[in-house]
Every structure is written in structure tokens, then in C-alpha cells.
Amino acid sequence: KSLSQTIFPLCLTQKSASDYNNFDREFLSEKPKLSYSDKNLIESMDQSAFDGFSFINPKFEQILDK
């Protein structure tokens, strides 16, 4: 069978862009937090994968400025 003929057993539906019904409730109840980032590690990594991205988290910029 080709991929276009394959019947997938699980088809999740999404009613809107803010519909999170397919996510685990425990996961959704966790408070988000920024993970620690080492400035030297970030600077040593190839950032070209992010070319064209225009958003930078302001809290992340504060970490980089330290």
C-alpha cells in the first residue's frame, strides 16, 4: 500500500487552535518554567536552524545578557 492508501487507526481531531483535549491533563496542569541555559553552550551551537525566527522570549534575552 502507498501512504495515501494507508488507514491510520488513530485520527485526533482539533476543534480550534486552542483545543487541548488531546493532551494529558497532568501535563497541562504543570506550571511552565524556563530551563537553565549555559551562555557559552548556546554561543557555541550553530544557530542557523533558527534563521527567520522573529520571536525571542524576553526572559531568555535576560539570561543571555548575564
C-alpha atoms as a PDB file:
ATOM      1  CA  LYS A   1       0.000   0.000   0.000  1.00  0.00           C
ATOM      2  CA  SER A   2       1.090   3.516  -0.622  1.00  0.00           C
ATOM      3  CA  LEU A   3       0.992   6.094   2.160  1.00  0.00           C
ATOM      4  CA  SER A   4      -2.118   7.687   0.635  1.00  0.00           C
ATOM      5  CA  GLN A   5      -3.943   4.320   0.867  1.00  0.00           C
ATOM      6  CA  THR A   6      -2.932   3.633   4.468  1.00  0.00           C
ATOM      7  CA  ILE A   7      -5.686   3.821   7.056  1.00  0.00           C
ATOM      8  CA  PHE A   8      -4.368   5.193  10.307  1.00  0.00           C
ATOM      9  CA  PRO A   9      -6.028   3.738  13.416  1.00  0.00           C
ATOM     10  CA  LEU A  10      -5.901   6.965  15.428  1.00  0.00           C
ATOM     11  CA  CYS A  11      -7.124  10.226  13.975  1.00  0.00           C
ATOM     12  CA  LEU A  12      -7.173  13.014  16.533  1.00  0.00           C
ATOM     13  CA  THR A  13      -9.469  15.913  15.915  1.00  0.00           C
ATOM     14  CA  GLN A  14      -8.900  19.505  16.878  1.00  0.00           C
ATOM     15  CA  LYS A  15     -11.839  21.907  17.067  1.00  0.00           C
ATOM     16  CA  SER A  16      -9.707  25.073  17.145  1.00  0.00           C
ATOM     17  CA  ALA A  17      -6.129  26.268  17.547  1.00  0.00           C
ATOM     18  CA  SER A  18      -6.662  26.417  21.319  1.00  0.00           C
ATOM     19  CA  ASP A  19      -8.225  22.931  21.644  1.00  0.00           C
ATOM     20  CA  TYR A  20      -6.002  20.937  24.006  1.00  0.00           C
ATOM     21  CA  ASN A  21      -8.286  17.936  24.549  1.00  0.00           C
ATOM     22  CA  ASN A  22      -5.694  15.537  23.119  1.00  0.00           C
ATOM     23  CA  PHE A  23      -3.095  16.463  25.759  1.00  0.00           C
ATOM     24  CA  ASP A  24      -2.723  14.697  29.083  1.00  0.00           C
ATOM     25  CA  ARG A  25      -4.417  16.651  31.912  1.00  0.00           C
ATOM     26  CA  GLU A  26      -1.472  16.127  34.279  1.00  0.00           C
ATOM     27  CA  PHE A  27       0.890  17.591  31.666  1.00  0.00           C
ATOM     28  CA  LEU A  28      -1.380  20.591  31.170  1.00  0.00           C
ATOM     29  CA  SER A  29      -1.600  21.247  34.918  1.00  0.00           C
ATOM     30  CA  GLU A  30       2.178  21.631  35.326  1.00  0.00           C
ATOM     31  CA  LYS A  31       3.461  25.173  35.734  1.00  0.00           C
ATOM     32  CA  PRO A  32       5.777  26.130  32.843  1.00  0.00           C
ATOM     33  CA  LYS A  33       9.327  27.106  33.719  1.00  0.00           C
ATOM     34  CA  LEU A  34      12.420  28.093  31.816  1.00  0.00           C
ATOM     35  CA  SER A  35      15.225  25.593  31.888  1.00  0.00           C
ATOM     36  CA  TYR A  36      18.752  26.722  32.754  1.00  0.00           C
ATOM     37  CA  SER A  37      20.875  27.602  29.742  1.00  0.00           C
ATOM     38  CA  ASP A  38      24.632  27.996  29.704  1.00  0.00           C
ATOM     39  CA  LYS A  39      25.505  31.135  27.718  1.00  0.00           C
ATOM     40  CA  ASN A  40      28.789  29.606  26.469  1.00  0.00           C
ATOM     41  CA  LEU A  41      27.000  26.461  25.302  1.00  0.00           C
ATOM     42  CA  ILE A  42      24.377  28.452  23.413  1.00  0.00           C
ATOM     43  CA  GLU A  43      27.008  30.636  21.759  1.00  0.00           C
ATOM     44  CA  SER A  44      28.957  27.536  20.662  1.00  0.00           C
ATOM     45  CA  MET A  45      25.931  25.990  18.924  1.00  0.00           C
ATOM     46  CA  ASP A  46      25.052  26.552  15.270  1.00  0.00           C
ATOM     47  CA  GLN A  47      22.095  28.924  15.363  1.00  0.00           C
ATOM     48  CA  SER A  48      21.391  28.814  11.599  1.00  0.00           C
ATOM     49  CA  ALA A  49      18.488  26.412  12.210  1.00  0.00           C
ATOM     50  CA  PHE A  50      16.679  29.382  13.717  1.00  0.00           C
ATOM     51  CA  ASP A  51      17.175  31.761  10.781  1.00  0.00           C
ATOM     52  CA  GLY A  52      13.913  33.520  10.024  1.00  0.00           C
ATOM     53  CA  PHE A  53      12.531  33.211  13.538  1.00  0.00           C
ATOM     54  CA  SER A  54      11.491  36.601  14.848  1.00  0.00           C
ATOM     55  CA  PHE A  55      10.399  35.837  18.433  1.00  0.00           C
ATOM     56  CA  ILE A  56      12.828  35.743  21.320  1.00  0.00           C
ATOM     57  CA  ASN A  57      11.498  35.211  24.829  1.00  0.00           C
ATOM     58  CA  PRO A  58      12.369  38.378  26.825  1.00  0.00           C
ATOM     59  CA  LYS A  59      13.312  36.243  29.843  1.00  0.00           C
ATOM     60  CA  PHE A  60      15.714  34.282  27.635  1.00  0.00           C
ATOM     61  CA  GLU A  61      17.348  37.528  26.465  1.00  0.00           C
ATOM     62  CA  GLN A  62      17.928  38.453  30.119  1.00  0.00           C
ATOM     63  CA  ILE A  63      19.688  35.122  30.670  1.00  0.00           C
ATOM     64  CA  LEU A  64      21.928  35.678  27.646  1.00  0.00           C
ATOM     65  CA  ASP A  65      22.848  39.182  28.818  1.00  0.00           C
ATOM     66  CA  LYS A  66      24.252  37.841  32.116  1.00  0.00           C
END
